[in-house]
């Protein structure tokens, strides 16, 4: 889920919503190199303070080298995982391992 919240600013004495201004400000406050990394960090911090102290920010994409999966590809991979199961898995990772798909195998599933 993506959630974008931006404060209202004034421009020429009129209210204005600017997600770009909010992201740029957040980047400076969080000390991040890019806006969306700042958004992830800020969201994790807020959740930790207000929802559950055990919530931590995910591992950065630069570290994991994970490729983004389109919603269509993700759906196709999950469908393939469900089809390949003879009985319900104990965990999601078991289901994904059962598909035996590499990243290169995933994109064609989405666009079939």
PDB file of N, CA and C in Angstrom:
ATOM      1  N   UNK A   1       0.847  -1.147   0.000  1.00  0.00           N
ATOM      2  CA  UNK A   1       0.000   0.000   0.000  1.00  0.00           C
ATOM      3  C   UNK A   1       0.900   1.220   0.000  1.00  0.00           C
ATOM      4  N   UNK A   2       0.556   2.191  -0.813  1.00  0.00           N
ATOM      5  CA  UNK A   2       1.239   3.477  -0.794  1.00  0.00           C
ATOM      6  C   UNK A   2       0.297   4.486  -0.174  1.00  0.00           C
ATOM      7  N   UNK A   3       0.850   5.317   0.658  1.00  0.00           N
ATOM      8  CA  UNK A   3       0.072   6.341   1.332  1.00  0.00           C
ATOM      9  C   UNK A   3       0.838   7.645   1.195  1.00  0.00           C
ATOM     10  N   UNK A   4       0.198   8.638   0.629  1.00  0.00           N
ATOM     11  CA  UNK A   4       0.840   9.928   0.450  1.00  0.00           C
ATOM     12  C   UNK A   4       0.020  10.988   1.170  1.00  0.00           C
ATOM     13  N   UNK A   5       0.639  11.630   2.139  1.00  0.00           N
ATOM     14  CA  UNK A   5      -0.026  12.674   2.905  1.00  0.00           C
ATOM     15  C   UNK A   5       0.845  13.914   2.799  1.00  0.00           C
ATOM     16  N   UNK A   6       0.226  15.037   2.471  1.00  0.00           N
ATOM     17  CA  UNK A   6       0.988  16.275   2.343  1.00  0.00           C
ATOM     18  C   UNK A   6       0.266  17.398   3.055  1.00  0.00           C
ATOM     19  N   UNK A   7       1.012  18.237   3.746  1.00  0.00           N
ATOM     20  CA  UNK A   7       0.382  19.378   4.409  1.00  0.00           C
ATOM     21  C   UNK A   7      -0.036  20.433   3.393  1.00  0.00           C
ATOM     22  N   UNK A   8      -0.975  21.246   3.808  1.00  0.00           N
ATOM     23  CA  UNK A   8      -1.439  22.351   2.972  1.00  0.00           C
ATOM     24  C   UNK A   8      -0.479  23.517   3.159  1.00  0.00           C
ATOM     25  N   UNK A   9      -0.079  24.128   2.071  1.00  0.00           N
ATOM     26  CA  UNK A   9       0.798  25.300   2.091  1.00  0.00           C
ATOM     27  C   UNK A   9       0.021  26.491   1.546  1.00  0.00           C
ATOM     28  N   UNK A  10       0.578  27.657   1.721  1.00  0.00           N
ATOM     29  CA  UNK A  10       0.004  28.857   1.120  1.00  0.00           C
ATOM     30  C   UNK A  10       0.871  29.280  -0.047  1.00  0.00           C
ATOM     31  N   UNK A  11       0.223  29.617  -1.131  1.00  0.00           N
ATOM     32  CA  UNK A  11       0.910  30.152  -2.291  1.00  0.00           C
ATOM     33  C   UNK A  11       0.045  31.277  -2.831  1.00  0.00           C
ATOM     34  N   UNK A  12       0.588  32.463  -2.808  1.00  0.00           N
ATOM     35  CA  UNK A  12      -0.171  33.655  -3.218  1.00  0.00           C
ATOM     36  C   UNK A  12      -1.461  33.776  -2.414  1.00  0.00           C
ATOM     37  N   UNK A  13      -1.329  33.515  -1.122  1.00  0.00           N
ATOM     38  CA  UNK A  13      -2.447  33.596  -0.172  1.00  0.00           C
ATOM     39  C   UNK A  13      -3.586  32.630  -0.470  1.00  0.00           C
ATOM     40  N   UNK A  14      -3.282  31.542  -1.160  1.00  0.00           N
ATOM     41  CA  UNK A  14      -4.271  30.494  -1.420  1.00  0.00           C
ATOM     42  C   UNK A  14      -3.723  29.167  -0.904  1.00  0.00           C
ATOM     43  N   UNK A  15      -4.613  28.321  -0.377  1.00  0.00           N
ATOM     44  CA  UNK A  15      -4.135  27.009   0.073  1.00  0.00           C
ATOM     45  C   UNK A  15      -3.692  26.155  -1.121  1.00  0.00           C
ATOM     46  N   UNK A  16      -2.608  25.425  -0.922  1.00  0.00           N
ATOM     47  CA  UNK A  16      -2.043  24.612  -1.989  1.00  0.00           C
ATOM     48  C   UNK A  16      -1.508  23.319  -1.388  1.00  0.00           C
ATOM     49  N   UNK A  17      -1.810  22.199  -2.022  1.00  0.00           N
ATOM     50  CA  UNK A  17      -1.229  20.920  -1.617  1.00  0.00           C
ATOM     51  C   UNK A  17      -0.099  20.616  -2.580  1.00  0.00           C
ATOM     52  N   UNK A  18       1.081  20.386  -2.026  1.00  0.00           N
ATOM     53  CA  UNK A  18       2.241  20.078  -2.858  1.00  0.00           C
ATOM     54  C   UNK A  18       2.969  18.891  -2.256  1.00  0.00           C
ATOM     55  N   UNK A  19       2.791  17.729  -2.860  1.00  0.00           N
ATOM     56  CA  UNK A  19       3.497  16.555  -2.353  1.00  0.00           C
ATOM     57  C   UNK A  19       5.003  16.700  -2.553  1.00  0.00           C
ATOM     58  N   UNK A  20       5.411  17.337  -3.644  1.00  0.00           N
ATOM     59  CA  UNK A  20       6.836  17.493  -3.892  1.00  0.00           C
ATOM     60  C   UNK A  20       7.498  18.359  -2.822  1.00  0.00           C
ATOM     61  N   UNK A  21       6.855  19.457  -2.435  1.00  0.00           N
ATOM     62  CA  UNK A  21       7.413  20.303  -1.374  1.00  0.00           C
ATOM     63  C   UNK A  21       7.509  19.529  -0.060  1.00  0.00           C
ATOM     64  N   UNK A  22       6.472  18.757   0.240  1.00  0.00           N
ATOM     65  CA  UNK A  22       6.476  17.981   1.481  1.00  0.00           C
ATOM     66  C   UNK A  22       7.585  16.933   1.464  1.00  0.00           C
ATOM     67  N   UNK A  23       7.767  16.252   0.345  1.00  0.00           N
ATOM     68  CA  UNK A  23       8.818  15.233   0.248  1.00  0.00           C
ATOM     69  C   UNK A  23      10.208  15.855   0.352  1.00  0.00           C
ATOM     70  N   UNK A  24      10.387  17.007  -0.275  1.00  0.00           N
ATOM     71  CA  UNK A  24      11.683  17.685  -0.207  1.00  0.00           C
ATOM     72  C   UNK A  24      11.992  18.107   1.226  1.00  0.00           C
ATOM     73  N   UNK A  25      10.997  18.656   1.921  1.00  0.00           N
ATOM     74  CA  UNK A  25      11.193  19.027   3.320  1.00  0.00           C
ATOM     75  C   UNK A  25      11.516  17.815   4.176  1.00  0.00           C
ATOM     76  N   UNK A  26      10.787  16.725   3.950  1.00  0.00           N
ATOM     77  CA  UNK A  26      10.994  15.499   4.723  1.00  0.00           C
ATOM     78  C   UNK A  26      12.392  14.942   4.503  1.00  0.00           C
ATOM     79  N   UNK A  27      12.873  15.024   3.272  1.00  0.00           N
ATOM     80  CA  UNK A  27      14.224  14.564   2.953  1.00  0.00           C
ATOM     81  C   UNK A  27      15.247  15.318   3.793  1.00  0.00           C
ATOM     82  N   UNK A  28      15.073  16.632   3.928  1.00  0.00           N
ATOM     83  CA  UNK A  28      15.990  17.431   4.736  1.00  0.00           C
ATOM     84  C   UNK A  28      15.905  17.093   6.211  1.00  0.00           C
ATOM     85  N   UNK A  29      14.691  16.909   6.710  1.00  0.00           N
ATOM     86  CA  UNK A  29      14.492  16.595   8.130  1.00  0.00           C
ATOM     87  C   UNK A  29      15.082  15.226   8.473  1.00  0.00           C
ATOM     88  N   UNK A  30      14.840  14.252   7.593  1.00  0.00           N
ATOM     89  CA  UNK A  30      15.289  12.881   7.863  1.00  0.00           C
ATOM     90  C   UNK A  30      16.771  12.674   7.547  1.00  0.00           C
ATOM     91  N   UNK A  31      17.366  13.602   6.808  1.00  0.00           N
ATOM     92  CA  UNK A  31      18.772  13.462   6.442  1.00  0.00           C
ATOM     93  C   UNK A  31      19.009  12.358   5.431  1.00  0.00           C
ATOM     94  N   UNK A  32      18.026  12.104   4.582  1.00  0.00           N
ATOM     95  CA  UNK A  32      18.132  11.051   3.563  1.00  0.00           C
ATOM     96  C   UNK A  32      18.574  11.631   2.226  1.00  0.00           C
ATOM     97  N   UNK A  33      19.066  10.757   1.345  1.00  0.00           N
ATOM     98  CA  UNK A  33      19.497  11.197   0.019  1.00  0.00           C
ATOM     99  C   UNK A  33      18.334  11.368  -0.948  1.00  0.00           C
ATOM    100  N   UNK A  34      17.272  10.594  -0.777  1.00  0.00           N
ATOM    101  CA  UNK A  34      16.140  10.780  -1.673  1.00  0.00           C
ATOM    102  C   UNK A  34      14.831  10.840  -0.906  1.00  0.00           C
ATOM    103  N   UNK A  35      13.829  11.370  -1.569  1.00  0.00           N
ATOM    104  CA  UNK A  35      12.557  11.655  -0.919  1.00  0.00           C
ATOM    105  C   UNK A  35      11.836  10.398  -0.440  1.00  0.00           C
ATOM    106  N   UNK A  36      11.830   9.357  -1.255  1.00  0.00           N
ATOM    107  CA  UNK A  36      11.066   8.170  -0.880  1.00  0.00           C
ATOM    108  C   UNK A  36      11.756   7.366   0.223  1.00  0.00           C
ATOM    109  N   UNK A  37      13.071   7.415   0.286  1.00  0.00           N
ATOM    110  CA  UNK A  37      13.774   6.806   1.421  1.00  0.00           C
ATOM    111  C   UNK A  37      13.409   7.558   2.698  1.00  0.00           C
ATOM    112  N   UNK A  38      13.334   8.894   2.598  1.00  0.00           N
ATOM    113  CA  UNK A  38      12.940   9.709   3.753  1.00  0.00           C
ATOM    114  C   UNK A  38      11.519   9.375   4.178  1.00  0.00           C
ATOM    115  N   UNK A  39      10.650   9.146   3.212  1.00  0.00           N
ATOM    116  CA  UNK A  39       9.257   8.796   3.517  1.00  0.00           C
ATOM    117  C   UNK A  39       9.189   7.456   4.248  1.00  0.00           C
ATOM    118  N   UNK A  40       9.953   6.468   3.798  1.00  0.00           N
ATOM    119  CA  UNK A  40       9.980   5.160   4.454  1.00  0.00           C
ATOM    120  C   UNK A  40      10.517   5.267   5.877  1.00  0.00           C
ATOM    121  N   UNK A  41      11.598   6.018   6.043  1.00  0.00           N
ATOM    122  CA  UNK A  41      12.200   6.195   7.364  1.00  0.00           C
ATOM    123  C   UNK A  41      11.244   6.905   8.306  1.00  0.00           C
ATOM    124  N   UNK A  42      10.636   7.980   7.819  1.00  0.00           N
ATOM    125  CA  UNK A  42       9.706   8.757   8.632  1.00  0.00           C
ATOM    126  C   UNK A  42       8.498   7.923   9.043  1.00  0.00           C
ATOM    127  N   UNK A  43       7.962   7.142   8.116  1.00  0.00           N
ATOM    128  CA  UNK A  43       6.797   6.307   8.401  1.00  0.00           C
ATOM    129  C   UNK A  43       7.145   5.246   9.447  1.00  0.00           C
ATOM    130  N   UNK A  44       8.302   4.610   9.306  1.00  0.00           N
ATOM    131  CA  UNK A  44       8.714   3.595  10.277  1.00  0.00           C
ATOM    132  C   UNK A  44       8.900   4.216  11.661  1.00  0.00           C
ATOM    133  N   UNK A  45       9.495   5.407  11.711  1.00  0.00           N
ATOM    134  CA  UNK A  45       9.676   6.092  12.992  1.00  0.00           C
ATOM    135  C   UNK A  45       8.333   6.402  13.643  1.00  0.00           C
ATOM    136  N   UNK A  46       7.399   6.919  12.837  1.00  0.00           N
ATOM    137  CA  UNK A  46       6.069   7.255  13.371  1.00  0.00           C
ATOM    138  C   UNK A  46       5.373   6.004  13.901  1.00  0.00           C
ATOM    139  N   UNK A  47       5.410   4.918  13.132  1.00  0.00           N
ATOM    140  CA  UNK A  47       4.774   3.663  13.552  1.00  0.00           C
ATOM    141  C   UNK A  47       5.389   3.151  14.850  1.00  0.00           C
ATOM    142  N   UNK A  48       6.702   3.246  14.946  1.00  0.00           N
ATOM    143  CA  UNK A  48       7.386   2.779  16.154  1.00  0.00           C
ATOM    144  C   UNK A  48       6.960   3.598  17.366  1.00  0.00           C
ATOM    145  N   UNK A  49       6.806   4.894  17.197  1.00  0.00           N
ATOM    146  CA  UNK A  49       6.421   5.763  18.307  1.00  0.00           C
ATOM    147  C   UNK A  49       4.953   5.640  18.678  1.00  0.00           C
ATOM    148  N   UNK A  50       4.078   5.415  17.702  1.00  0.00           N
ATOM    149  CA  UNK A  50       2.642   5.476  17.945  1.00  0.00           C
ATOM    150  C   UNK A  50       1.905   4.135  17.900  1.00  0.00           C
ATOM    151  N   UNK A  51       2.494   3.129  17.254  1.00  0.00           N
ATOM    152  CA  UNK A  51       1.790   1.849  17.104  1.00  0.00           C
ATOM    153  C   UNK A  51       2.452   0.712  17.875  1.00  0.00           C
ATOM    154  N   UNK A  52       3.710   0.461  17.573  1.00  0.00           N
ATOM    155  CA  UNK A  52       4.384  -0.691  18.166  1.00  0.00           C
ATOM    156  C   UNK A  52       5.891  -0.449  18.124  1.00  0.00           C
ATOM    157  N   UNK A  53       6.532  -0.482  19.274  1.00  0.00           N
ATOM    158  CA  UNK A  53       7.972  -0.209  19.352  1.00  0.00           C
ATOM    159  C   UNK A  53       8.817  -1.231  18.599  1.00  0.00           C
ATOM    160  N   UNK A  54       8.259  -2.395  18.304  1.00  0.00           N
ATOM    161  CA  UNK A  54       9.038  -3.418  17.605  1.00  0.00           C
ATOM    162  C   UNK A  54       9.069  -3.209  16.086  1.00  0.00           C
ATOM    163  N   UNK A  55       8.309  -2.240  15.574  1.00  0.00           N
ATOM    164  CA  UNK A  55       8.325  -1.965  14.144  1.00  0.00           C
ATOM    165  C   UNK A  55       9.653  -1.298  13.787  1.00  0.00           C
ATOM    166  N   UNK A  56      10.310  -1.814  12.768  1.00  0.00           N
ATOM    167  CA  UNK A  56      11.568  -1.232  12.304  1.00  0.00           C
ATOM    168  C   UNK A  56      11.485  -0.995  10.792  1.00  0.00           C
ATOM    169  N   UNK A  57      12.277  -0.074  10.333  1.00  0.00           N
ATOM    170  CA  UNK A  57      12.313   0.224   8.898  1.00  0.00           C
ATOM    171  C   UNK A  57      12.880  -0.979   8.166  1.00  0.00           C
ATOM    172  N   UNK A  58      12.377  -1.212   6.973  1.00  0.00           N
ATOM    173  CA  UNK A  58      12.872  -2.318   6.168  1.00  0.00           C
ATOM    174  C   UNK A  58      14.305  -2.082   5.711  1.00  0.00           C
ATOM    175  N   UNK A  59      14.939  -3.143   5.257  1.00  0.00           N
ATOM    176  CA  UNK A  59      16.307  -3.040   4.753  1.00  0.00           C
ATOM    177  C   UNK A  59      16.271  -2.306   3.414  1.00  0.00           C
ATOM    178  N   UNK A  60      17.179  -1.388   3.262  1.00  0.00           N
ATOM    179  CA  UNK A  60      17.190  -0.536   2.069  1.00  0.00           C
ATOM    180  C   UNK A  60      17.441  -1.343   0.799  1.00  0.00           C
ATOM    181  N   UNK A  61      16.803  -0.900  -0.263  1.00  0.00           N
ATOM    182  CA  UNK A  61      16.908  -1.550  -1.563  1.00  0.00           C
ATOM    183  C   UNK A  61      18.364  -1.610  -2.042  1.00  0.00           C
ATOM    184  N   UNK A  62      19.138  -0.566  -1.730  1.00  0.00           N
ATOM    185  CA  UNK A  62      20.549  -0.544  -2.139  1.00  0.00           C
ATOM    186  C   UNK A  62      21.326  -1.693  -1.503  1.00  0.00           C
ATOM    187  N   UNK A  63      20.896  -2.119  -0.330  1.00  0.00           N
ATOM    188  CA  UNK A  63      21.577  -3.201   0.375  1.00  0.00           C
ATOM    189  C   UNK A  63      21.081  -4.560  -0.110  1.00  0.00           C
ATOM    190  N   UNK A  64      19.758  -4.715  -0.226  1.00  0.00           N
ATOM    191  CA  UNK A  64      19.197  -6.012  -0.605  1.00  0.00           C
ATOM    192  C   UNK A  64      19.334  -6.309  -2.091  1.00  0.00           C
ATOM    193  N   UNK A  65      19.440  -5.257  -2.900  1.00  0.00           N
ATOM    194  CA  UNK A  65      19.500  -5.391  -4.369  1.00  0.00           C
ATOM    195  C   UNK A  65      18.228  -6.028  -4.930  1.00  0.00           C
ATOM    196  N   UNK A  66      17.132  -5.934  -4.190  1.00  0.00           N
ATOM    197  CA  UNK A  66      15.871  -6.494  -4.666  1.00  0.00           C
ATOM    198  C   UNK A  66      15.323  -5.669  -5.819  1.00  0.00           C
ATOM    199  N   UNK A  67      14.684  -6.355  -6.732  1.00  0.00           N
ATOM    200  CA  UNK A  67      14.018  -5.695  -7.846  1.00  0.00           C
ATOM    201  C   UNK A  67      12.563  -5.455  -7.467  1.00  0.00           C
ATOM    202  N   UNK A  68      12.034  -4.311  -7.880  1.00  0.00           N
ATOM    203  CA  UNK A  68      10.624  -4.031  -7.640  1.00  0.00           C
ATOM    204  C   UNK A  68       9.791  -4.947  -8.521  1.00  0.00           C
ATOM    205  N   UNK A  69       8.731  -5.466  -7.958  1.00  0.00           N
ATOM    206  CA  UNK A  69       7.840  -6.346  -8.690  1.00  0.00           C
ATOM    207  C   UNK A  69       6.519  -5.600  -8.915  1.00  0.00           C
ATOM    208  N   UNK A  70       6.092  -5.513 -10.151  1.00  0.00           N
ATOM    209  CA  UNK A  70       4.834  -4.836 -10.449  1.00  0.00           C
ATOM    210  C   UNK A  70       3.684  -5.596  -9.783  1.00  0.00           C
ATOM    211  N   UNK A  71       2.566  -4.930  -9.514  1.00  0.00           N
ATOM    212  CA  UNK A  71       1.420  -5.632  -8.922  1.00  0.00           C
ATOM    213  C   UNK A  71       0.962  -6.814  -9.772  1.00  0.00           C
ATOM    214  N   UNK A  72       1.023  -6.660 -11.098  1.00  0.00           N
ATOM    215  CA  UNK A  72       0.619  -7.758 -11.988  1.00  0.00           C
ATOM    216  C   UNK A  72       1.549  -8.958 -11.843  1.00  0.00           C
ATOM    217  N   UNK A  73       2.850  -8.676 -11.772  1.00  0.00           N
ATOM    218  CA  UNK A  73       3.827  -9.752 -11.612  1.00  0.00           C
ATOM    219  C   UNK A  73       3.672 -10.421 -10.257  1.00  0.00           C
ATOM    220  N   UNK A  74       3.518  -9.622  -9.210  1.00  0.00           N
ATOM    221  CA  UNK A  74       3.334 -10.179  -7.872  1.00  0.00           C
ATOM    222  C   UNK A  74       2.107 -11.086  -7.836  1.00  0.00           C
ATOM    223  N   UNK A  75       1.012 -10.631  -8.415  1.00  0.00           N
ATOM    224  CA  UNK A  75      -0.205 -11.445  -8.454  1.00  0.00           C
ATOM    225  C   UNK A  75       0.015 -12.753  -9.195  1.00  0.00           C
ATOM    226  N   UNK A  76       0.712 -12.676 -10.328  1.00  0.00           N
ATOM    227  CA  UNK A  76       0.981 -13.884 -11.109  1.00  0.00           C
ATOM    228  C   UNK A  76       1.873 -14.855 -10.341  1.00  0.00           C
ATOM    229  N   UNK A  77       2.878 -14.325  -9.651  1.00  0.00           N
ATOM    230  CA  UNK A  77       3.777 -15.178  -8.856  1.00  0.00           C
ATOM    231  C   UNK A  77       3.003 -15.840  -7.724  1.00  0.00           C
ATOM    232  N   UNK A  78       2.147 -15.074  -7.055  1.00  0.00           N
ATOM    233  CA  UNK A  78       1.354 -15.644  -5.962  1.00  0.00           C
ATOM    234  C   UNK A  78       0.365 -16.687  -6.487  1.00  0.00           C
ATOM    235  N   UNK A  79      -0.240 -16.441  -7.652  1.00  0.00           N
ATOM    236  CA  UNK A  79      -1.126 -17.443  -8.260  1.00  0.00           C
ATOM    237  C   UNK A  79      -0.362 -18.726  -8.553  1.00  0.00           C
ATOM    238  N   UNK A  80       0.832 -18.587  -9.105  1.00  0.00           N
ATOM    239  CA  UNK A  80       1.671 -19.748  -9.415  1.00  0.00           C
ATOM    240  C   UNK A  80       2.025 -20.500  -8.131  1.00  0.00           C
ATOM    241  N   UNK A  81       2.333 -19.755  -7.066  1.00  0.00           N
ATOM    242  CA  UNK A  81       2.666 -20.388  -5.787  1.00  0.00           C
ATOM    243  C   UNK A  81       1.471 -21.178  -5.261  1.00  0.00           C
ATOM    244  N   UNK A  82       0.273 -20.591  -5.347  1.00  0.00           N
ATOM    245  CA  UNK A  82      -0.928 -21.292  -4.867  1.00  0.00           C
ATOM    246  C   UNK A  82      -1.206 -22.554  -5.679  1.00  0.00           C
ATOM    247  N   UNK A  83      -1.028 -22.453  -6.996  1.00  0.00           N
ATOM    248  CA  UNK A  83      -1.283 -23.607  -7.869  1.00  0.00           C
ATOM    249  C   UNK A  83      -0.329 -24.762  -7.603  1.00  0.00           C
ATOM    250  N   UNK A  84       0.904 -24.422  -7.202  1.00  0.00           N
ATOM    251  CA  UNK A  84       1.918 -25.457  -7.036  1.00  0.00           C
ATOM    252  C   UNK A  84       1.818 -26.199  -5.706  1.00  0.00           C
ATOM    253  N   UNK A  85       0.917 -25.773  -4.863  1.00  0.00           N
ATOM    254  CA  UNK A  85       0.825 -26.389  -3.545  1.00  0.00           C
ATOM    255  C   UNK A  85      -0.163 -27.541  -3.522  1.00  0.00           C
ATOM    256  N   UNK A  86       0.248 -28.614  -2.897  1.00  0.00           N
ATOM    257  CA  UNK A  86      -0.680 -29.725  -2.712  1.00  0.00           C
ATOM    258  C   UNK A  86      -1.400 -29.604  -1.376  1.00  0.00           C
ATOM    259  N   UNK A  87      -0.792 -28.899  -0.438  1.00  0.00           N
ATOM    260  CA  UNK A  87      -1.424 -28.631   0.847  1.00  0.00           C
ATOM    261  C   UNK A  87      -1.010 -27.234   1.309  1.00  0.00           C
ATOM    262  N   UNK A  88      -1.785 -26.600   2.166  1.00  0.00           N
ATOM    263  CA  UNK A  88      -1.463 -25.236   2.592  1.00  0.00           C
ATOM    264  C   UNK A  88      -0.101 -25.164   3.271  1.00  0.00           C
ATOM    265  N   UNK A  89       0.667 -24.130   2.955  1.00  0.00           N
ATOM    266  CA  UNK A  89       1.996 -23.988   3.558  1.00  0.00           C
ATOM    267  C   UNK A  89       1.896 -23.467   4.990  1.00  0.00           C
ATOM    268  N   UNK A  90       2.943 -23.732   5.739  1.00  0.00           N
ATOM    269  CA  UNK A  90       3.013 -23.179   7.085  1.00  0.00           C
ATOM    270  C   UNK A  90       3.327 -21.698   7.023  1.00  0.00           C
ATOM    271  N   UNK A  91       4.111 -21.328   6.034  1.00  0.00           N
ATOM    272  CA  UNK A  91       4.540 -19.936   5.927  1.00  0.00           C
ATOM    273  C   UNK A  91       4.523 -19.504   4.464  1.00  0.00           C
ATOM    274  N   UNK A  92       4.446 -18.195   4.256  1.00  0.00           N
ATOM    275  CA  UNK A  92       4.463 -17.643   2.913  1.00  0.00           C
ATOM    276  C   UNK A  92       5.747 -18.011   2.178  1.00  0.00           C
ATOM    277  N   UNK A  93       6.876 -17.972   2.878  1.00  0.00           N
ATOM    278  CA  UNK A  93       8.140 -18.293   2.224  1.00  0.00           C
ATOM    279  C   UNK A  93       8.150 -19.717   1.689  1.00  0.00           C
ATOM    280  N   UNK A  94       7.497 -20.643   2.389  1.00  0.00           N
ATOM    281  CA  UNK A  94       7.406 -22.009   1.883  1.00  0.00           C
ATOM    282  C   UNK A  94       6.665 -22.033   0.553  1.00  0.00           C
ATOM    283  N   UNK A  95       5.609 -21.243   0.457  1.00  0.00           N
ATOM    284  CA  UNK A  95       4.830 -21.183  -0.778  1.00  0.00           C
ATOM    285  C   UNK A  95       5.659 -20.602  -1.914  1.00  0.00           C
ATOM    286  N   UNK A  96       6.395 -19.553  -1.621  1.00  0.00           N
ATOM    287  CA  UNK A  96       7.202 -18.931  -2.663  1.00  0.00           C
ATOM    288  C   UNK A  96       8.335 -19.836  -3.118  1.00  0.00           C
ATOM    289  N   UNK A  97       8.960 -20.549  -2.180  1.00  0.00           N
ATOM    290  CA  UNK A  97      10.033 -21.473  -2.545  1.00  0.00           C
ATOM    291  C   UNK A  97       9.505 -22.605  -3.413  1.00  0.00           C
ATOM    292  N   UNK A  98       8.260 -22.993  -3.176  1.00  0.00           N
ATOM    293  CA  UNK A  98       7.665 -24.088  -3.946  1.00  0.00           C
ATOM    294  C   UNK A  98       7.477 -23.728  -5.412  1.00  0.00           C
ATOM    295  N   UNK A  99       7.425 -22.433  -5.739  1.00  0.00           N
ATOM    296  CA  UNK A  99       7.227 -22.029  -7.133  1.00  0.00           C
ATOM    297  C   UNK A  99       8.476 -22.217  -7.969  1.00  0.00           C
ATOM    298  N   UNK A 100       9.647 -22.177  -7.332  1.00  0.00           N
ATOM    299  CA  UNK A 100      10.927 -22.316  -8.019  1.00  0.00           C
ATOM    300  C   UNK A 100      11.058 -21.361  -9.187  1.00  0.00           C
ATOM    301  N   UNK A 101      10.699 -20.091  -8.971  1.00  0.00           N
ATOM    302  CA  UNK A 101      10.803 -19.083 -10.013  1.00  0.00           C
ATOM    303  C   UNK A 101      11.935 -18.121  -9.702  1.00  0.00           C
ATOM    304  N   UNK A 102      12.694 -17.763 -10.716  1.00  0.00           N
ATOM    305  CA  UNK A 102      13.684 -16.701 -10.561  1.00  0.00           C
ATOM    306  C   UNK A 102      13.015 -15.395 -10.947  1.00  0.00           C
ATOM    307  N   UNK A 103      13.688 -14.285 -10.685  1.00  0.00           N
ATOM    308  CA  UNK A 103      13.129 -12.989 -11.050  1.00  0.00           C
ATOM    309  C   UNK A 103      12.867 -12.924 -12.556  1.00  0.00           C
ATOM    310  N   UNK A 104      13.795 -13.478 -13.353  1.00  0.00           N
ATOM    311  CA  UNK A 104      13.630 -13.452 -14.805  1.00  0.00           C
ATOM    312  C   UNK A 104      12.391 -14.222 -15.257  1.00  0.00           C
ATOM    313  N   UNK A 105      11.960 -15.205 -14.454  1.00  0.00           N
ATOM    314  CA  UNK A 105      10.762 -15.973 -14.794  1.00  0.00           C
ATOM    315  C   UNK A 105       9.480 -15.203 -14.488  1.00  0.00           C
ATOM    316  N   UNK A 106       9.570 -14.184 -13.625  1.00  0.00           N
ATOM    317  CA  UNK A 106       8.356 -13.542 -13.107  1.00  0.00           C
ATOM    318  C   UNK A 106       7.700 -12.586 -14.087  1.00  0.00           C
ATOM    319  N   UNK A 107       8.439 -11.712 -14.745  1.00  0.00           N
ATOM    320  CA  UNK A 107       7.842 -10.690 -15.597  1.00  0.00           C
ATOM    321  C   UNK A 107       6.970 -11.274 -16.702  1.00  0.00           C
ATOM    322  N   UNK A 108       7.401 -12.343 -17.390  1.00  0.00           N
ATOM    323  CA  UNK A 108       6.519 -12.897 -18.434  1.00  0.00           C
ATOM    324  C   UNK A 108       5.176 -13.388 -17.879  1.00  0.00           C
ATOM    325  N   UNK A 109       5.133 -13.828 -16.630  1.00  0.00           N
ATOM    326  CA  UNK A 109       3.873 -14.259 -16.039  1.00  0.00           C
ATOM    327  C   UNK A 109       2.866 -13.124 -15.974  1.00  0.00           C
ATOM    328  N   UNK A 110       3.352 -11.938 -15.708  1.00  0.00           N
ATOM    329  CA  UNK A 110       2.466 -10.790 -15.554  1.00  0.00           C
ATOM    330  C   UNK A 110       1.889 -10.341 -16.882  1.00  0.00           C
ATOM    331  N   UNK A 111       2.639 -10.532 -17.938  1.00  0.00           N
ATOM    332  CA  UNK A 111       2.205 -10.000 -19.225  1.00  0.00           C
ATOM    333  C   UNK A 111       1.890 -11.108 -20.221  1.00  0.00           C
ATOM    334  N   UNK A 112       1.963 -12.364 -19.727  1.00  0.00           N
ATOM    335  CA  UNK A 112       1.619 -13.585 -20.385  1.00  0.00           C
ATOM    336  C   UNK A 112       1.528 -13.622 -21.813  1.00  0.00           C
TER     337      UNK A 112
END
